[in-house]
Amino acid sequence: MEMNFEDHLAQVVSQLSKLRSNRRVNVLVWGDVMVDEYLSGSADRISPEAPIPVVVGQDSVSRLGGAANVAANLAKLGAAVSLVGVVGDDAGKLKLDELLSDVGISSDLMIADSDRQTTRKLRIVSGVQQIVRVDFEDAQHTNEQTAAAIAGALYGELEEARVLIVSDYAKGACPAPLLREVIKFCNSNKITVLIDPKGSDFSKYAGADIVKPNRQEAFIAASQNTPNTQDPRGAGEWLIDQHAFGACVITLGAEGSLLLEGNVSFAVPAFTRDVSDVTGAGDCVAAGLGFAVAHGLSLSDACVFANAVGSISVSKLGSVAVSFEEVQARYQLAGASAHHGGAALLDEVVRILARRRESGDTIVFTNGCFDILHAGHVQNLNQAAGFGSVLVVGINSDASVRRLKGEGRPINSADDRAAVIANLRSVDLVVEFDDDTPLQLIETISPDVLIKGADYSNKDVVGREYVESCGGRVELLALRDGLSSSTLIEKMRKSAR
C-alpha cells in the first residue's frame, strides 16, 4: 500500500530530528549573493503624472537573497554553513555583511570586487501585491583575479563540507571553467554537488550529483531535444543523459516536484496551497534538499522534506528562512518526534525551545495525566496555545499516574497518551516526566507562560514562583463542568457492573 505523503514526511522529520541532534553537518554554499529589499506602503491613488499607482511608503526591510538566502535557510535548519560569493565595495556589501552576521554566517569568504556592485533587488509592495521590482546588479563574468579568489575560498572550505550547493543566478559568481573544475574535484572526493541552475546551457554543470531546475528552466535547457516541451519527465531524463547528472529534481510550483534518479521517477506533492509569495522558494527547496542529503537521507526522502520547507516559504511574504522546528510545528510533527522515549529526549526538547526563543517565540507550558482525553482537555489546550507561539505539554509517566491516582491507573499507557496529545493541532511538543510534580521539568523548560486550570489558585500552582522569578506569568483557565478523566472512568466502571 502506498504511503501517505504526510506520513512519509513525519518519518523523514523524525529521522532528521535524531540525526541533527547527534551531529552538525557542514554545507558549503557558492553562488550569487544578493540583498532583497522591500519597501511597503499603501497604494490608494493613481499618479497625475502617469497612469501608475502612487505608493505611500510606510516601512522598509532588507533580507538575504540568492545564495545568501540558501545559506540562511541551511543555518536556520541547523547546518554549519560556509558561504562563498562576490560583492562590490559599496553600501550593499555592508548591508549583506550585517544580515549575514544576524543569522550567524561569516562574511569572510565574500570576495570584494570594486568594479562591481553588490546585487540588490528592491521590491515596492502594497499589501501582498508587488507593484514593481528594481534590480541593481552587474551580471558580467568575473575577471580572472576575482575568479582565482573564488577558487581559493572554495578549495579552502571543501575539505570539511559534506555537500556543495551551487546557487547560480547568472550574475557572474559561478564562471563555467571554475564550475567544471570544482565539480570534478568534488566527484573525486565524494562531496555531493547540488546545482540550482540558470540559463539554457547546463553543460557547465556536467557531472553534478543533483541538478534542481524549475519547470521552465528544465524546458528551456532541453527544449531543442525533447519532442514534448510540456513533459517535465522527458526534459529531466534528457538532461541527465546529456550531462551525466546523478539525478534531476524539477520543481513544479503548486504541483510539488518530480525526482528522476536512475530509472525511477518520484512525484512529491506540495504540502500546502496557501501561497502568499514565491520569492525565495527555490532557495528554500535547495537548502532543504542539501540539508537532508548532508545527513545521509535518500533523495526521495530529501525531496519530501524540501517540499515541506518550500511550502512554508511560499506561505509568507518575501524571502524568509524556514527553521526545522517550524517544519515540525506546521505539520504537527514536533510532539510525536519529541516524545518517542519520553523524558530521555528532554535534551532534544530543550534544544528545540532554545532555537524558538532565538526567533522571539513565546513558550507556553501545561501538564497533566490526560488518561482519558475529553473535550475539556482539548478546549484548555486550544486556549493555552493562544498565549504564545509554542505549546509544550508535560505528561505524567505511568508510575507517576499510579502514585497519584492509585492502582488501576493509568488506563492508557504514557506512549498512547503522548501519541494522542501530540496529534492535537494546538500542541507543539510533548515530554514525559516521572516525578509527582512537574517542578523540575518546569525549571528545565523555563516557560514564559505557565497554564493550569482555574481549580488552582495562584498559590497552589507548582512552578509559579520559579516562572514569575524569571519574568514569566501564570494563567488559569476555566474548566468545563462535570468533565474529568477520573469522573469518566468511574462512570465507565459503574456501567460495566
Protein backbone atom coordinates (compact mmCIF):
# COMPACT_ATOMS: atom_id res chain seq x y z
CA MET A 1 0.00 0.00 0.00
CA GLU A 2 1.36 3.42 -0.96
CA MET A 3 2.36 5.62 1.97
CA ASN A 4 0.50 8.87 2.56
CA PHE A 5 2.92 11.74 1.92
CA GLU A 6 2.23 13.39 5.27
CA ASP A 7 3.07 10.09 6.97
CA HIS A 8 6.21 9.93 4.84
CA LEU A 9 7.09 13.47 5.92
CA ALA A 10 6.55 12.52 9.58
CA GLN A 11 9.03 9.66 9.23
CA VAL A 12 11.57 11.85 7.43
CA VAL A 13 11.38 14.64 10.02
CA SER A 14 11.63 12.15 12.88
CA GLN A 15 14.74 10.64 11.30
CA LEU A 16 16.29 14.05 10.67
CA SER A 17 15.50 15.13 14.22
CA LYS A 18 17.58 12.27 15.61
CA LEU A 19 20.42 12.75 13.12
CA ARG A 20 20.74 16.50 13.67
CA SER A 21 20.86 16.02 17.44
CA ASN A 22 23.94 13.79 17.01
CA ARG A 23 25.99 15.99 14.70
CA ARG A 24 26.01 19.30 12.89
CA VAL A 25 26.68 18.76 9.20
CA ASN A 26 28.90 21.11 7.16
CA VAL A 27 27.45 22.52 3.95
CA LEU A 28 29.27 24.89 1.57
CA VAL A 29 27.18 27.31 -0.50
CA TRP A 30 28.66 29.01 -3.56
CA GLY A 31 26.84 31.40 -5.82
CA ASP A 32 25.34 34.79 -6.49
CA VAL A 33 24.60 36.56 -3.21
CA MET A 34 22.17 39.44 -3.08
CA VAL A 35 20.13 41.68 -0.81
CA ASP A 36 16.34 41.62 -1.19
CA GLU A 37 14.85 44.98 -0.20
CA TYR A 38 11.15 45.54 0.42
CA LEU A 39 9.52 48.96 0.56
CA SER A 40 5.91 48.55 1.66
CA GLY A 41 3.09 51.06 1.77
CA SER A 42 -0.45 51.80 0.67
CA ALA A 43 -1.44 52.39 -2.95
CA ASP A 44 -4.75 54.26 -2.81
CA ARG A 45 -4.48 56.61 -5.78
CA ILE A 46 -3.14 56.96 -9.30
CA SER A 47 -0.38 59.43 -10.13
CA PRO A 48 -1.48 62.55 -12.07
CA GLU A 49 1.85 62.37 -13.93
CA ALA A 50 1.30 58.90 -15.44
CA PRO A 51 -1.22 56.04 -15.13
CA ILE A 52 0.70 54.36 -12.31
CA PRO A 53 -0.14 53.78 -8.63
CA VAL A 54 1.30 56.11 -6.01
CA VAL A 55 2.69 54.12 -3.08
CA VAL A 56 2.86 55.95 0.24
CA GLY A 57 5.93 54.38 1.85
CA GLN A 58 5.38 53.06 5.37
CA ASP A 59 8.11 50.52 6.08
CA SER A 60 11.26 49.04 4.60
CA VAL A 61 13.13 45.83 5.33
CA SER A 62 16.17 44.07 3.89
CA ARG A 63 16.66 40.31 3.68
CA LEU A 64 19.22 37.88 2.35
CA GLY A 65 18.62 36.75 -1.22
CA GLY A 66 20.04 34.32 -3.76
CA ALA A 67 22.87 32.13 -2.49
CA ALA A 68 22.82 34.06 0.78
CA ASN A 69 19.19 33.02 1.30
CA VAL A 70 20.12 29.38 0.68
CA ALA A 71 22.84 29.73 3.33
CA ALA A 72 20.43 31.43 5.77
CA ASN A 73 17.92 28.60 5.37
CA LEU A 74 20.60 25.98 5.96
CA ALA A 75 21.74 27.79 9.11
CA LYS A 76 18.17 28.02 10.41
CA LEU A 77 17.64 24.32 9.72
CA GLY A 78 20.70 23.64 11.87
CA ALA A 79 23.62 23.12 9.48
CA ALA A 80 27.10 24.62 9.82
CA VAL A 81 27.33 26.85 6.75
CA SER A 82 30.13 28.46 4.78
CA LEU A 83 29.22 30.92 2.02
CA VAL A 84 31.34 31.97 -0.97
CA GLY A 85 30.15 34.81 -3.21
CA VAL A 86 31.08 38.09 -4.90
CA VAL A 87 30.16 41.57 -3.67
CA GLY A 88 31.03 45.13 -4.56
CA ASP A 89 32.76 47.65 -2.35
CA ASP A 90 29.60 49.55 -1.53
CA ALA A 91 26.70 50.06 0.86
CA GLY A 92 25.08 46.84 -0.39
CA LYS A 93 28.09 44.89 0.86
CA LEU A 94 27.79 46.47 4.31
CA LYS A 95 24.09 45.57 4.47
CA LEU A 96 24.84 41.99 3.33
CA ASP A 97 27.55 41.66 6.00
CA GLU A 98 25.09 42.85 8.63
CA LEU A 99 22.36 40.45 7.52
CA LEU A 100 24.76 37.51 7.43
CA SER A 101 26.00 38.36 10.91
CA ASP A 102 22.41 38.40 12.18
CA VAL A 103 21.96 34.74 11.17
CA GLY A 104 25.41 33.63 12.36
CA ILE A 105 27.10 33.27 8.96
CA SER A 106 30.58 34.66 8.40
CA SER A 107 31.14 37.11 5.54
CA ASP A 108 34.88 36.33 5.47
CA LEU A 109 34.51 34.36 2.22
CA MET A 110 32.79 37.19 0.37
CA ILE A 111 35.09 38.23 -2.49
CA ALA A 112 35.02 42.02 -2.88
CA ASP A 113 35.39 43.38 -6.43
CA SER A 114 35.47 47.17 -6.60
CA ASP A 115 34.50 47.07 -10.30
CA ARG A 116 31.13 45.50 -9.44
CA GLN A 117 28.13 46.44 -7.32
CA THR A 118 26.53 44.18 -4.77
CA THR A 119 23.35 42.73 -6.26
CA ARG A 120 20.21 44.28 -4.77
CA LYS A 121 16.58 43.71 -5.69
CA LEU A 122 14.21 46.42 -4.50
CA ARG A 123 10.53 45.46 -4.42
CA ILE A 124 7.76 48.02 -3.92
CA VAL A 125 4.85 46.27 -2.18
CA SER A 126 1.31 47.27 -1.32
CA GLY A 127 -0.41 44.74 0.90
CA VAL A 128 0.77 41.41 -0.51
CA GLN A 129 0.97 42.71 -4.09
CA GLN A 130 4.31 43.64 -5.64
CA ILE A 131 3.95 46.86 -7.64
CA VAL A 132 7.38 46.93 -9.25
CA ARG A 133 10.89 45.48 -8.80
CA VAL A 134 14.11 47.43 -9.39
CA ASP A 135 17.36 45.45 -9.84
CA PHE A 136 20.80 46.87 -9.11
CA GLU A 137 23.37 44.44 -10.48
CA ASP A 138 26.37 43.68 -12.65
CA ALA A 139 25.80 40.39 -14.47
CA GLN A 140 29.06 40.20 -16.43
CA HIS A 141 31.54 37.39 -15.83
CA THR A 142 34.06 37.89 -13.05
CA ASN A 143 37.61 38.83 -14.02
CA GLU A 144 40.50 36.39 -13.66
CA GLN A 145 41.64 37.85 -10.36
CA THR A 146 38.18 37.54 -8.78
CA ALA A 147 37.71 34.01 -10.20
CA ALA A 148 41.05 32.97 -8.66
CA ALA A 149 39.97 34.40 -5.31
CA ILE A 150 36.69 32.45 -5.52
CA ALA A 151 38.61 29.24 -6.26
CA GLY A 152 40.89 29.82 -3.28
CA ALA A 153 37.95 30.33 -0.96
CA LEU A 154 36.17 27.22 -2.26
CA TYR A 155 39.09 24.82 -2.01
CA GLY A 156 39.85 26.10 1.47
CA GLU A 157 36.37 25.04 2.64
CA LEU A 158 35.67 21.89 0.63
CA GLU A 159 37.75 19.68 2.93
CA GLU A 160 35.13 19.97 5.67
CA ALA A 161 32.00 20.01 3.51
CA ARG A 162 29.63 17.07 3.03
CA VAL A 163 27.62 18.90 0.38
CA LEU A 164 28.34 21.78 -2.01
CA ILE A 165 25.29 23.76 -3.12
CA VAL A 166 25.82 25.93 -6.19
CA SER A 167 23.21 28.70 -6.34
CA ASP A 168 23.69 30.15 -9.82
CA TYR A 169 21.65 33.24 -10.65
CA ALA A 170 23.79 34.11 -13.70
CA LYS A 171 25.24 37.22 -12.04
CA GLY A 172 28.85 36.15 -12.68
CA ALA A 173 29.91 34.45 -9.42
CA CYS A 174 29.92 30.95 -10.99
CA PRO A 175 32.17 31.05 -14.11
CA ALA A 176 31.85 27.91 -16.24
CA PRO A 177 35.55 26.88 -16.23
CA LEU A 178 35.68 27.01 -12.44
CA LEU A 179 32.36 25.15 -12.14
CA ARG A 180 33.68 22.26 -14.22
CA GLU A 181 36.91 22.13 -12.22
CA VAL A 182 35.18 22.21 -8.83
CA ILE A 183 32.59 19.55 -9.80
CA LYS A 184 35.41 17.18 -10.86
CA PHE A 185 37.18 17.81 -7.55
CA CYS A 186 34.01 17.05 -5.60
CA ASN A 187 33.35 13.89 -7.62
CA SER A 188 36.85 12.66 -6.77
CA ASN A 189 36.44 13.47 -3.08
CA LYS A 190 32.88 12.14 -2.61
CA ILE A 191 31.40 15.56 -1.89
CA THR A 192 27.79 15.76 -3.10
CA VAL A 193 27.21 18.61 -5.57
CA LEU A 194 23.71 20.10 -5.76
CA ILE A 195 23.12 22.66 -8.52
CA ASP A 196 20.35 25.27 -8.58
CA PRO A 197 20.87 26.17 -12.26
CA LYS A 198 20.30 29.14 -14.53
CA GLY A 199 20.39 29.62 -18.28
CA SER A 200 19.84 27.35 -21.27
CA ASP A 201 23.22 25.58 -21.28
CA PHE A 202 23.60 23.05 -18.47
CA SER A 203 26.85 21.62 -19.85
CA LYS A 204 28.81 23.72 -17.35
CA TYR A 205 27.19 21.62 -14.56
CA ALA A 206 28.10 18.26 -16.17
CA GLY A 207 28.78 15.50 -13.65
CA ALA A 208 26.91 17.13 -10.76
CA ASP A 209 25.14 14.72 -8.41
CA ILE A 210 21.84 16.63 -8.36
CA VAL A 211 20.52 19.42 -10.58
CA LYS A 212 17.39 21.28 -9.43
CA PRO A 213 15.77 23.33 -12.22
CA ASN A 214 12.22 24.61 -12.07
CA ARG A 215 9.81 23.53 -14.79
CA GLN A 216 10.58 26.46 -17.10
CA GLU A 217 14.35 26.13 -16.67
CA ALA A 218 14.19 22.40 -17.48
CA PHE A 219 12.11 23.01 -20.60
CA ILE A 220 14.41 25.79 -21.83
CA ALA A 221 17.55 23.69 -21.29
CA ALA A 222 16.06 20.67 -23.07
CA SER A 223 13.65 22.38 -25.50
CA GLN A 224 15.60 21.61 -28.66
CA ASN A 225 15.90 17.94 -27.82
CA THR A 226 12.59 16.78 -26.32
CA PRO A 227 9.52 16.25 -28.51
CA ASN A 228 7.05 17.25 -25.78
CA THR A 229 8.02 20.52 -24.15
CA GLN A 230 5.18 20.12 -21.62
CA ASP A 231 6.59 16.88 -20.22
CA PRO A 232 8.96 17.56 -17.30
CA ARG A 233 9.90 13.88 -17.09
CA GLY A 234 11.17 13.85 -20.68
CA ALA A 235 13.11 17.07 -20.14
CA GLY A 236 14.70 15.75 -16.96
CA GLU A 237 15.65 12.41 -18.50
CA TRP A 238 17.30 14.17 -21.44
CA LEU A 239 19.26 16.47 -19.12
CA ILE A 240 20.51 13.52 -17.06
CA ASP A 241 21.61 11.60 -20.15
CA GLN A 242 23.19 14.59 -21.85
CA HIS A 243 25.14 15.94 -18.88
CA ALA A 244 25.76 12.83 -16.74
CA PHE A 245 23.83 14.16 -13.76
CA GLY A 246 23.24 11.72 -10.93
CA ALA A 247 19.65 12.92 -10.54
CA CYS A 248 17.31 15.73 -11.54
CA VAL A 249 14.76 17.33 -9.22
CA ILE A 250 12.31 19.51 -11.15
CA THR A 251 10.24 21.88 -9.01
CA LEU A 252 6.67 22.27 -10.31
CA GLY A 253 5.22 25.08 -8.22
CA ALA A 254 1.81 24.17 -6.79
CA GLU A 255 2.24 20.62 -8.15
CA GLY A 256 5.26 19.95 -5.93
CA SER A 257 8.34 18.38 -7.53
CA LEU A 258 9.48 15.46 -9.67
CA LEU A 259 12.59 13.42 -8.83
CA LEU A 260 14.31 11.49 -11.63
CA GLU A 261 17.08 9.18 -10.47
CA GLY A 262 18.29 6.20 -12.49
CA ASN A 263 15.22 4.52 -13.96
CA VAL A 264 12.98 5.74 -11.14
CA SER A 265 10.70 8.76 -11.04
CA PHE A 266 9.12 10.01 -7.83
CA ALA A 267 6.44 12.72 -7.73
CA VAL A 268 6.17 14.69 -4.48
CA PRO A 269 3.13 16.93 -3.96
CA ALA A 270 3.25 20.39 -2.45
CA PHE A 271 2.08 20.30 1.16
CA THR A 272 0.04 23.49 1.04
CA ARG A 273 -1.72 25.74 -1.45
CA ASP A 274 -1.65 28.71 0.91
CA VAL A 275 0.57 30.79 -1.38
CA SER A 276 1.42 34.36 -0.42
CA ASP A 277 4.74 34.99 -2.21
CA VAL A 278 7.00 32.64 -4.18
CA THR A 279 10.09 34.84 -3.70
CA GLY A 280 12.98 32.70 -2.48
CA ALA A 281 11.01 29.44 -2.63
CA GLY A 282 13.64 27.79 -4.85
CA ASP A 283 16.34 28.77 -2.35
CA CYS A 284 14.38 27.14 0.48
CA VAL A 285 13.91 23.93 -1.51
CA ALA A 286 17.64 23.83 -2.37
CA ALA A 287 18.52 24.30 1.30
CA GLY A 288 16.06 21.59 2.37
CA LEU A 289 17.48 19.16 -0.19
CA GLY A 290 21.08 19.90 0.76
CA PHE A 291 20.35 19.67 4.48
CA ALA A 292 18.65 16.27 4.20
CA VAL A 293 21.25 14.83 1.81
CA ALA A 294 24.08 16.04 4.08
CA HIS A 295 22.52 13.95 6.85
CA GLY A 296 22.58 10.87 4.64
CA LEU A 297 18.91 10.68 3.66
CA SER A 298 17.84 9.22 0.32
CA LEU A 299 16.95 11.68 -2.42
CA SER A 300 13.28 10.70 -2.28
CA ASP A 301 13.19 11.44 1.46
CA ALA A 302 15.14 14.65 0.88
CA CYS A 303 12.61 15.79 -1.72
CA VAL A 304 9.72 15.22 0.68
CA PHE A 305 11.46 17.32 3.34
CA ALA A 306 12.47 20.03 0.84
CA ASN A 307 8.87 20.34 -0.40
CA ALA A 308 7.69 20.87 3.17
CA VAL A 309 10.28 23.64 3.65
CA GLY A 310 9.31 25.25 0.33
CA SER A 311 5.59 25.05 1.12
CA ILE A 312 6.13 27.02 4.33
CA SER A 313 8.26 29.56 2.48
CA VAL A 314 5.58 30.43 -0.09
CA SER A 315 3.00 30.97 2.65
CA LYS A 316 4.97 34.03 3.83
CA LEU A 317 5.61 37.42 2.28
CA GLY A 318 9.14 37.86 0.96
CA SER A 319 12.25 35.75 1.13
CA VAL A 320 12.18 34.22 4.62
CA ALA A 321 14.33 31.41 6.09
CA VAL A 322 12.43 28.42 7.50
CA SER A 323 13.54 26.66 10.68
CA PHE A 324 13.48 22.91 11.34
CA GLU A 325 11.18 23.50 14.31
CA GLU A 326 8.79 25.40 12.05
CA VAL A 327 8.52 22.36 9.78
CA GLN A 328 7.77 20.22 12.82
CA ALA A 329 5.17 22.65 14.15
CA ARG A 330 3.49 23.41 10.80
CA TYR A 331 2.83 19.77 10.03
CA GLN A 332 2.09 18.80 13.65
CA LEU A 333 5.17 16.61 13.84
CA ALA A 334 7.06 18.10 16.75
CA GLY A 335 5.14 16.40 19.52
CA ALA A 336 5.38 12.94 18.01
CA SER A 337 9.07 13.23 17.20
CA ALA A 338 9.93 14.74 20.55
CA HIS A 339 8.16 12.10 22.62
CA HIS A 340 9.47 8.72 21.42
CA GLY A 341 11.48 7.84 24.55
CA GLY A 342 9.70 10.20 26.92
CA ALA A 343 11.90 12.03 29.41
CA ALA A 344 15.01 10.57 27.81
CA LEU A 345 14.54 13.07 24.98
CA LEU A 346 14.20 16.12 27.22
CA ASP A 347 17.56 17.39 25.92
CA GLU A 348 16.11 17.45 22.41
CA VAL A 349 13.11 19.46 23.61
CA VAL A 350 15.43 21.95 25.32
CA ARG A 351 17.42 22.38 22.08
CA ILE A 352 14.23 22.95 20.10
CA LEU A 353 12.99 25.55 22.57
CA ALA A 354 16.35 27.36 22.60
CA ARG A 355 16.06 27.86 18.84
CA ARG A 356 12.45 29.00 19.11
CA ARG A 357 13.43 31.55 21.77
CA GLU A 358 16.16 32.88 19.47
CA SER A 359 13.39 33.54 16.94
CA GLY A 360 11.43 35.53 19.53
CA ASP A 361 8.80 32.86 20.21
CA THR A 362 6.85 32.71 23.49
CA ILE A 363 6.98 29.32 25.24
CA VAL A 364 3.81 28.07 26.96
CA PHE A 365 3.75 25.04 29.30
CA THR A 366 0.98 22.97 30.84
CA ASN A 367 0.84 19.47 32.23
CA GLY A 368 -1.48 16.65 33.23
CA CYS A 369 -2.11 12.92 33.23
CA PHE A 370 -4.52 13.05 30.25
CA ASP A 371 -5.53 9.46 30.97
CA ILE A 372 -8.84 9.73 29.12
CA LEU A 373 -8.72 12.69 26.74
CA HIS A 374 -12.00 14.62 26.76
CA ALA A 375 -13.48 17.84 25.35
CA GLY A 376 -12.36 19.84 28.39
CA HIS A 377 -8.74 18.89 27.75
CA VAL A 378 -9.00 19.87 24.09
CA GLN A 379 -10.66 23.19 24.97
CA ASN A 380 -7.97 24.10 27.51
CA LEU A 381 -5.08 23.05 25.25
CA ASN A 382 -6.52 25.19 22.44
CA GLN A 383 -6.80 28.12 24.84
CA ALA A 384 -3.29 27.53 26.19
CA ALA A 385 -1.82 27.62 22.68
CA GLY A 386 -3.26 31.12 22.26
CA PHE A 387 -0.96 32.52 24.96
CA GLY A 388 2.21 32.03 22.91
CA SER A 389 3.97 30.54 19.90
CA VAL A 390 4.96 27.09 21.20
CA LEU A 391 2.84 24.90 23.48
CA VAL A 392 4.76 22.26 25.46
CA VAL A 393 2.70 19.63 27.27
CA GLY A 394 4.17 17.58 30.12
CA ILE A 395 2.50 14.23 30.75
CA ASN A 396 2.93 12.10 33.87
CA SER A 397 4.68 8.77 33.39
CA ASP A 398 2.72 5.58 34.11
CA ALA A 399 4.43 5.23 37.51
CA SER A 400 3.68 8.84 38.36
CA VAL A 401 0.00 8.45 37.46
CA ARG A 402 -0.20 5.30 39.58
CA ARG A 403 1.22 7.12 42.61
CA LEU A 404 -1.21 9.99 42.15
CA LYS A 405 -4.38 8.12 41.15
CA GLY A 406 -3.93 4.67 42.67
CA GLU A 407 -3.82 1.12 41.34
CA GLY A 408 -5.65 0.52 38.08
CA ARG A 409 -4.45 3.82 36.66
CA PRO A 410 -3.48 4.86 34.10
CA ILE A 411 -5.99 3.32 31.74
CA ASN A 412 -3.81 4.30 28.77
CA SER A 413 -0.02 3.99 28.68
CA ALA A 414 2.26 7.02 28.52
CA ASP A 415 3.16 6.21 24.89
CA ASP A 416 -0.51 6.10 23.90
CA ARG A 417 -1.39 9.24 25.85
CA ALA A 418 1.55 11.12 24.32
CA ALA A 419 0.62 10.00 20.80
CA VAL A 420 -2.91 11.35 21.22
CA ILE A 421 -1.79 14.68 22.71
CA ALA A 422 0.99 15.13 20.14
CA ASN A 423 -1.51 14.88 17.29
CA LEU A 424 -3.70 17.73 18.54
CA ARG A 425 -3.35 20.76 16.29
CA SER A 426 -2.70 23.08 19.25
CA VAL A 427 0.23 21.08 20.69
CA ASP A 428 3.83 21.51 19.53
CA LEU A 429 5.88 19.37 21.93
CA VAL A 430 5.12 16.54 24.36
CA VAL A 431 7.54 15.41 27.06
CA GLU A 432 7.06 12.78 29.78
CA PHE A 433 8.07 13.32 33.44
CA ASP A 434 8.30 10.76 36.25
CA ASP A 435 8.13 13.00 39.34
CA ASP A 436 4.95 13.55 41.35
CA THR A 437 5.01 17.22 40.33
CA PRO A 438 6.30 18.89 37.14
CA LEU A 439 8.51 21.36 39.07
CA GLN A 440 11.84 20.01 37.80
CA LEU A 441 10.51 19.88 34.24
CA ILE A 442 9.21 23.45 34.50
CA GLU A 443 12.60 24.66 35.77
CA THR A 444 14.33 22.89 32.87
CA ILE A 445 11.97 24.22 30.20
CA SER A 446 11.59 27.68 31.84
CA PRO A 447 8.35 28.66 30.09
CA ASP A 448 7.22 32.24 29.56
CA VAL A 449 3.63 31.28 30.40
CA LEU A 450 2.56 28.52 32.81
CA ILE A 451 -1.00 27.25 32.35
CA LYS A 452 -3.23 25.48 34.86
CA GLY A 453 -6.96 25.04 35.35
CA ALA A 454 -8.99 27.52 37.35
CA ASP A 455 -9.44 24.94 40.11
CA TYR A 456 -5.96 26.00 41.22
CA SER A 457 -5.39 29.27 42.98
CA ASN A 458 -2.14 31.03 42.16
CA LYS A 459 -0.52 29.95 45.41
CA ASP A 460 -1.17 26.27 44.61
CA VAL A 461 0.33 26.22 41.11
CA VAL A 462 3.54 24.20 41.09
CA GLY A 463 6.31 26.22 39.46
CA ARG A 464 4.59 29.60 39.90
CA GLU A 465 7.40 31.14 41.94
CA TYR A 466 10.09 29.95 39.55
CA VAL A 467 8.28 31.15 36.40
CA GLU A 468 7.48 34.55 37.87
CA SER A 469 11.06 34.95 39.15
CA CYS A 470 12.21 34.54 35.52
CA GLY A 471 9.81 37.23 34.29
CA GLY A 472 7.05 34.83 33.19
CA ARG A 473 3.44 34.57 34.32
CA VAL A 474 0.73 32.08 35.29
CA GLU A 475 -2.64 31.84 33.51
CA LEU A 476 -5.61 29.94 34.97
CA LEU A 477 -8.17 28.56 32.51
CA ALA A 478 -11.83 27.89 33.20
CA LEU A 479 -12.76 24.20 33.31
CA ARG A 480 -15.82 22.56 31.74
CA ASP A 481 -18.18 21.45 34.49
CA GLY A 482 -18.50 17.73 35.09
CA LEU A 483 -15.63 16.74 32.81
CA SER A 484 -12.60 14.92 34.20
CA SER A 485 -10.78 11.71 33.37
CA SER A 486 -11.49 10.32 36.84
CA THR A 487 -15.23 11.06 36.54
CA LEU A 488 -15.42 9.45 33.11
CA ILE A 489 -13.52 6.36 34.28
CA GLU A 490 -15.82 5.97 37.29
CA LYS A 491 -18.89 6.23 35.01
CA MET A 492 -17.49 3.51 32.76
CA ARG A 493 -16.77 1.26 35.72
CA LYS A 494 -20.29 1.71 37.07
CA SER A 495 -21.85 0.98 33.67
CA ALA A 496 -19.79 -2.21 33.39
CA ARG A 497 -21.09 -3.65 36.68
